[in-house]
N, C-alpha and C. Protein backbone atom coordinates (compact mmCIF):
# COMPACT_ATOMS: atom_id res chain seq x y z
N MET A 1 12.01 -26.29 58.51
CA MET A 1 11.36 -27.10 59.42
C MET A 1 10.56 -28.16 58.68
N GLU A 2 10.60 -29.43 59.03
CA GLU A 2 9.77 -30.54 58.42
C GLU A 2 8.39 -30.42 58.96
N ILE A 3 7.35 -30.44 57.99
CA ILE A 3 5.99 -30.36 58.46
C ILE A 3 5.35 -31.60 57.76
N ASN A 4 4.60 -32.45 58.41
CA ASN A 4 3.97 -33.49 58.01
C ASN A 4 2.49 -33.52 58.27
N ARG A 5 1.68 -34.17 57.51
CA ARG A 5 0.28 -34.42 57.67
C ARG A 5 -0.01 -34.89 59.13
N GLY A 6 -0.83 -34.34 59.77
CA GLY A 6 -1.21 -34.84 61.06
C GLY A 6 -0.57 -34.09 62.19
N MET A 7 0.55 -33.23 61.96
CA MET A 7 1.19 -32.48 62.93
C MET A 7 0.24 -31.31 63.38
N VAL A 8 0.26 -30.99 64.62
CA VAL A 8 -0.39 -29.77 65.23
C VAL A 8 0.85 -28.71 65.34
N VAL A 9 0.60 -27.79 64.59
CA VAL A 9 1.62 -26.67 64.68
C VAL A 9 1.09 -25.34 65.14
N LEU A 10 2.04 -24.52 65.59
CA LEU A 10 1.75 -23.09 66.02
C LEU A 10 1.93 -22.22 64.84
N VAL A 11 0.91 -21.35 64.48
CA VAL A 11 0.99 -20.59 63.24
C VAL A 11 0.80 -19.12 63.64
N GLU A 12 1.76 -18.31 63.19
CA GLU A 12 1.74 -16.91 63.55
C GLU A 12 0.63 -16.07 62.81
N GLY A 13 0.02 -15.15 63.53
CA GLY A 13 -1.01 -14.42 62.95
C GLY A 13 -0.70 -13.58 61.83
N PRO A 14 -1.66 -12.82 61.36
CA PRO A 14 -1.54 -12.08 60.13
C PRO A 14 -0.46 -10.95 60.33
N GLU A 15 0.30 -10.76 59.47
CA GLU A 15 1.43 -9.77 59.50
C GLU A 15 2.37 -9.92 60.66
N GLY A 16 2.59 -11.21 60.99
CA GLY A 16 3.59 -11.48 62.10
C GLY A 16 3.14 -11.14 63.49
N LEU A 17 1.82 -10.94 63.74
CA LEU A 17 1.45 -10.68 65.07
C LEU A 17 1.59 -11.87 65.87
N ALA A 18 2.50 -11.89 66.87
CA ALA A 18 2.73 -12.93 67.75
C ALA A 18 1.53 -13.04 68.69
N GLU A 19 0.89 -12.15 69.06
CA GLU A 19 -0.13 -12.30 69.98
C GLU A 19 -1.36 -13.03 69.27
N LYS A 20 -1.43 -13.22 68.04
CA LYS A 20 -2.63 -13.78 67.26
C LYS A 20 -2.15 -15.30 66.91
N ARG A 21 -1.08 -15.92 67.58
CA ARG A 21 -0.63 -17.27 67.21
C ARG A 21 -1.66 -18.21 67.74
N ARG A 22 -1.82 -19.20 66.85
CA ARG A 22 -2.90 -20.25 67.38
C ARG A 22 -2.33 -21.55 66.66
N PRO A 23 -3.06 -22.71 67.29
CA PRO A 23 -2.62 -24.02 66.61
C PRO A 23 -3.52 -24.41 65.62
N PHE A 24 -2.83 -25.13 64.67
CA PHE A 24 -3.60 -25.60 63.42
C PHE A 24 -3.11 -27.09 63.22
N LEU A 25 -3.92 -27.82 62.54
CA LEU A 25 -3.75 -29.14 62.14
C LEU A 25 -3.33 -29.35 60.74
N VAL A 26 -2.22 -29.91 60.46
CA VAL A 26 -1.89 -30.10 58.98
C VAL A 26 -2.60 -31.28 58.25
N VAL A 27 -3.42 -30.90 57.23
CA VAL A 27 -4.16 -31.84 56.47
C VAL A 27 -3.66 -32.01 55.10
N GLN A 28 -2.71 -31.34 54.67
CA GLN A 28 -2.18 -31.40 53.25
C GLN A 28 -1.38 -32.80 53.10
N SER A 29 -1.44 -33.31 51.92
CA SER A 29 -0.52 -34.65 51.73
C SER A 29 0.82 -34.30 51.96
N ASP A 30 1.58 -35.42 52.42
CA ASP A 30 2.96 -35.27 52.67
C ASP A 30 3.57 -35.26 51.29
N LEU A 31 3.01 -35.61 50.18
CA LEU A 31 3.59 -35.53 48.85
C LEU A 31 3.93 -34.08 48.55
N PHE A 32 3.42 -33.01 49.02
CA PHE A 32 3.57 -31.70 48.79
C PHE A 32 4.17 -30.86 49.84
N ASN A 33 4.39 -31.47 51.18
CA ASN A 33 4.78 -30.64 52.01
C ASN A 33 6.35 -30.36 52.11
N GLU A 34 7.12 -30.97 51.42
CA GLU A 34 8.49 -30.79 51.50
C GLU A 34 8.97 -29.48 50.75
N ALA A 35 8.32 -29.48 49.53
CA ALA A 35 8.81 -28.39 48.45
C ALA A 35 7.84 -27.25 48.26
N HIS A 36 6.65 -27.53 48.63
CA HIS A 36 5.49 -26.40 48.36
C HIS A 36 5.86 -25.22 49.26
N ALA A 37 5.44 -24.12 48.72
CA ALA A 37 5.75 -22.80 49.52
C ALA A 37 4.49 -22.64 50.58
N SER A 38 3.38 -23.45 50.41
CA SER A 38 2.31 -23.24 51.30
C SER A 38 1.87 -24.59 51.88
N VAL A 39 1.06 -24.50 52.84
CA VAL A 39 0.60 -25.73 53.59
C VAL A 39 -0.78 -25.55 53.88
N THR A 40 -1.61 -26.61 53.75
CA THR A 40 -3.05 -26.49 53.93
C THR A 40 -3.41 -27.09 55.41
N LEU A 41 -4.28 -26.30 56.14
CA LEU A 41 -4.33 -26.53 57.57
C LEU A 41 -5.82 -26.41 58.04
N CYS A 42 -6.19 -27.02 59.10
CA CYS A 42 -7.38 -26.78 59.81
C CYS A 42 -7.10 -25.88 61.00
N PRO A 43 -7.61 -24.94 61.31
CA PRO A 43 -7.49 -24.12 62.67
C PRO A 43 -8.13 -24.93 63.90
N MET A 44 -7.49 -25.00 64.85
CA MET A 44 -7.88 -25.50 66.20
C MET A 44 -8.56 -24.41 66.96
N THR A 45 -9.67 -24.79 67.66
CA THR A 45 -10.31 -23.80 68.66
C THR A 45 -10.48 -24.49 69.94
N SER A 46 -10.52 -23.61 71.07
CA SER A 46 -10.86 -24.00 72.32
C SER A 46 -12.37 -23.87 72.58
N LEU A 47 -12.99 -23.30 71.68
CA LEU A 47 -14.44 -23.08 71.87
C LEU A 47 -15.18 -24.31 71.31
N THR A 48 -15.33 -25.14 72.21
CA THR A 48 -15.87 -26.52 71.90
C THR A 48 -17.34 -26.63 71.79
N GLY A 49 -17.85 -27.66 71.23
CA GLY A 49 -19.34 -27.89 71.28
C GLY A 49 -19.88 -27.46 69.97
N GLY A 50 -18.96 -27.40 69.00
CA GLY A 50 -19.51 -26.77 67.63
C GLY A 50 -20.21 -27.81 66.88
N GLU A 51 -20.19 -27.69 65.51
CA GLU A 51 -20.77 -28.57 64.71
C GLU A 51 -20.05 -30.01 64.66
N THR A 52 -20.75 -31.08 65.12
CA THR A 52 -19.97 -32.37 65.24
C THR A 52 -19.75 -33.11 63.82
N LEU A 53 -20.39 -32.60 62.89
CA LEU A 53 -20.27 -33.13 61.56
C LEU A 53 -18.99 -32.94 60.94
N PHE A 54 -18.52 -31.56 61.26
CA PHE A 54 -17.30 -31.06 60.56
C PHE A 54 -16.38 -30.42 61.74
N ARG A 55 -16.45 -30.84 62.80
CA ARG A 55 -15.52 -30.34 63.92
C ARG A 55 -15.06 -31.62 64.66
N VAL A 56 -13.77 -31.82 64.72
CA VAL A 56 -13.16 -33.04 65.34
C VAL A 56 -12.48 -32.73 66.79
N PRO A 57 -13.18 -33.25 67.75
CA PRO A 57 -12.46 -32.97 69.12
C PRO A 57 -11.15 -33.48 69.45
N PHE A 58 -10.32 -32.74 70.20
CA PHE A 58 -9.01 -33.17 70.50
C PHE A 58 -8.91 -33.02 72.06
N ALA A 59 -8.49 -34.01 72.84
CA ALA A 59 -8.26 -33.85 74.31
C ALA A 59 -6.84 -33.19 74.54
N PRO A 60 -6.65 -32.38 75.48
CA PRO A 60 -5.28 -32.01 75.75
C PRO A 60 -4.31 -33.26 75.99
N SER A 61 -3.09 -33.12 75.51
CA SER A 61 -2.28 -34.36 75.82
C SER A 61 -0.85 -33.83 75.43
N ASP A 62 0.17 -34.52 75.86
CA ASP A 62 1.49 -34.20 75.48
C ASP A 62 1.75 -34.49 74.05
N ALA A 63 1.01 -35.65 73.71
CA ALA A 63 1.17 -36.02 72.16
C ALA A 63 0.87 -35.05 71.20
N THR A 64 -0.25 -34.41 71.46
CA THR A 64 -0.78 -33.36 70.38
C THR A 64 -0.15 -32.04 70.63
N GLY A 65 0.17 -31.74 71.90
CA GLY A 65 0.75 -30.43 72.34
C GLY A 65 -0.44 -29.37 72.57
N ILE A 66 -1.71 -30.03 72.54
CA ILE A 66 -2.86 -29.16 72.80
C ILE A 66 -2.99 -28.96 74.27
N PRO A 67 -3.11 -27.84 74.85
CA PRO A 67 -3.21 -27.68 76.44
C PRO A 67 -4.59 -27.71 76.92
N VAL A 68 -5.60 -27.63 76.15
CA VAL A 68 -6.92 -27.47 76.59
C VAL A 68 -7.91 -28.21 75.50
N GLU A 69 -9.10 -28.71 75.94
CA GLU A 69 -10.00 -29.27 75.08
C GLU A 69 -10.05 -28.33 73.92
N SER A 70 -9.92 -29.05 72.60
CA SER A 70 -10.01 -28.20 71.52
C SER A 70 -10.91 -29.04 70.37
N GLU A 71 -11.12 -28.30 69.25
CA GLU A 71 -11.68 -29.06 68.04
C GLU A 71 -11.01 -28.44 66.79
N ALA A 72 -10.70 -29.40 65.80
CA ALA A 72 -10.19 -29.06 64.64
C ALA A 72 -11.33 -28.60 63.75
N GLN A 73 -11.27 -27.42 63.12
CA GLN A 73 -12.36 -26.70 62.55
C GLN A 73 -12.18 -27.02 61.00
N VAL A 74 -12.64 -28.33 60.43
CA VAL A 74 -12.64 -28.69 59.16
C VAL A 74 -13.35 -27.73 58.33
N ASP A 75 -14.36 -26.94 58.83
CA ASP A 75 -14.99 -26.09 58.03
C ASP A 75 -14.55 -24.72 57.78
N LYS A 76 -13.21 -24.60 58.20
CA LYS A 76 -12.33 -23.30 58.12
C LYS A 76 -11.03 -23.57 57.48
N ILE A 77 -10.88 -24.53 56.55
CA ILE A 77 -9.69 -24.97 56.06
C ILE A 77 -8.92 -23.61 55.40
N LYS A 78 -7.61 -23.66 55.79
CA LYS A 78 -6.82 -22.44 55.25
C LYS A 78 -5.61 -22.98 54.65
N THR A 79 -5.08 -22.35 53.49
CA THR A 79 -3.82 -22.54 52.99
C THR A 79 -2.83 -21.33 53.28
N LEU A 80 -1.87 -21.54 53.91
CA LEU A 80 -1.08 -20.40 54.31
C LEU A 80 0.48 -20.73 53.93
N ARG A 81 1.27 -19.60 53.80
CA ARG A 81 2.59 -19.68 53.59
C ARG A 81 3.31 -20.63 54.53
N ARG A 82 4.25 -21.45 54.27
CA ARG A 82 4.90 -22.30 55.43
C ARG A 82 5.79 -21.49 56.30
N SER A 83 6.10 -20.26 55.87
CA SER A 83 6.85 -19.38 56.80
C SER A 83 6.08 -18.85 58.04
N ARG A 84 4.84 -19.14 58.01
CA ARG A 84 4.01 -18.62 59.05
C ARG A 84 4.08 -19.58 60.20
N VAL A 85 4.47 -20.92 59.88
CA VAL A 85 4.47 -22.02 60.86
C VAL A 85 5.74 -21.64 61.86
N VAL A 86 5.34 -21.44 63.10
CA VAL A 86 6.45 -20.99 64.01
C VAL A 86 7.07 -22.29 64.70
N ARG A 87 6.30 -23.35 65.04
CA ARG A 87 6.92 -24.62 65.45
C ARG A 87 5.75 -25.72 65.54
N VAL A 88 6.24 -26.88 65.65
CA VAL A 88 5.63 -28.06 65.68
C VAL A 88 5.15 -28.39 67.32
N LEU A 89 3.82 -28.44 67.52
CA LEU A 89 3.50 -28.62 69.02
C LEU A 89 3.29 -30.18 69.24
N GLY A 90 2.90 -30.97 68.31
CA GLY A 90 2.65 -32.29 68.41
C GLY A 90 2.22 -33.01 67.30
N GLN A 91 1.55 -34.19 67.38
CA GLN A 91 1.01 -35.10 66.38
C GLN A 91 -0.26 -35.64 66.71
N ALA A 92 -1.27 -35.58 65.76
CA ALA A 92 -2.51 -36.15 66.06
C ALA A 92 -2.45 -37.69 65.89
N SER A 93 -3.42 -38.39 66.46
CA SER A 93 -3.25 -39.88 66.44
C SER A 93 -3.90 -40.32 65.18
N ALA A 94 -3.72 -41.61 64.75
CA ALA A 94 -4.24 -42.04 63.41
C ALA A 94 -5.64 -42.10 63.52
N ALA A 95 -6.39 -42.41 64.88
CA ALA A 95 -7.73 -42.37 64.85
C ALA A 95 -8.28 -40.99 64.72
N SER A 96 -7.69 -39.84 65.33
CA SER A 96 -8.10 -38.52 65.16
C SER A 96 -7.95 -38.12 63.61
N MET A 97 -7.19 -38.60 62.89
CA MET A 97 -6.82 -38.28 61.58
C MET A 97 -7.97 -38.83 60.67
N GLU A 98 -8.27 -39.93 61.09
CA GLU A 98 -9.42 -40.75 60.30
C GLU A 98 -10.66 -39.95 60.66
N GLN A 99 -10.91 -39.37 61.76
CA GLN A 99 -12.14 -38.58 61.87
C GLN A 99 -11.88 -37.38 61.10
N VAL A 100 -10.83 -36.69 61.00
CA VAL A 100 -10.72 -35.47 60.26
C VAL A 100 -10.78 -35.76 58.80
N ASP A 101 -10.37 -36.90 58.32
CA ASP A 101 -10.54 -37.39 57.04
C ASP A 101 -12.06 -37.45 56.69
N GLN A 102 -12.73 -38.20 57.37
CA GLN A 102 -14.22 -38.20 57.37
C GLN A 102 -15.05 -36.89 57.24
N ALA A 103 -14.67 -36.01 58.16
CA ALA A 103 -15.15 -34.62 58.19
C ALA A 103 -14.86 -33.96 56.97
N LEU A 104 -13.58 -34.05 56.35
CA LEU A 104 -13.17 -33.40 55.28
C LEU A 104 -14.06 -33.96 54.09
N ARG A 105 -14.18 -35.19 54.00
CA ARG A 105 -14.97 -35.82 52.94
C ARG A 105 -16.44 -35.12 52.91
N ARG A 106 -17.11 -35.08 54.24
CA ARG A 106 -18.32 -34.60 54.33
C ARG A 106 -18.53 -33.04 53.86
N TRP A 107 -17.58 -32.39 54.46
CA TRP A 107 -17.46 -30.86 54.11
C TRP A 107 -17.42 -30.57 52.79
N LEU A 108 -16.42 -31.23 51.94
CA LEU A 108 -16.07 -31.06 50.69
C LEU A 108 -16.69 -31.91 49.67
N ALA A 109 -17.68 -32.78 50.16
CA ALA A 109 -18.47 -33.76 49.35
C ALA A 109 -17.57 -34.59 48.49
N LEU A 110 -16.54 -35.15 49.04
CA LEU A 110 -15.60 -36.06 48.19
C LEU A 110 -15.98 -37.38 48.45
C-alpha cells in the first residue's frame, strides 16, 4: 500500500486488535515512505479542545475521511510498523499540513 505524507490512515491497534483501530496522520517525509519498514504518524482524536499550540483541528470531510471533528495530536508522535496501517482514509489539505508543520516545529524545537 502506498503511504504518503499528509494521508490520514486507519491503524490497527496493538497486537492486531481490530477494536482499537484509530486514524493517524502521516508526517514522515515521502523520501522514506516507500522502502522503510516503519512510518511516523500523529494520532487523531475526537476529544477536541486540547492544547492549541500542538494540536491541529480537522473538520469532518470526504477529503480527509474523518467522520467527526478531530485533532492531530502532534505531542503524541509515534513510529509504527507499516504493516499496522489498515487502509487510507483520506488526505489532509496543504493548509492543514502547514499547521501540522508549525506545531511539529514548536513541539520539537526545530
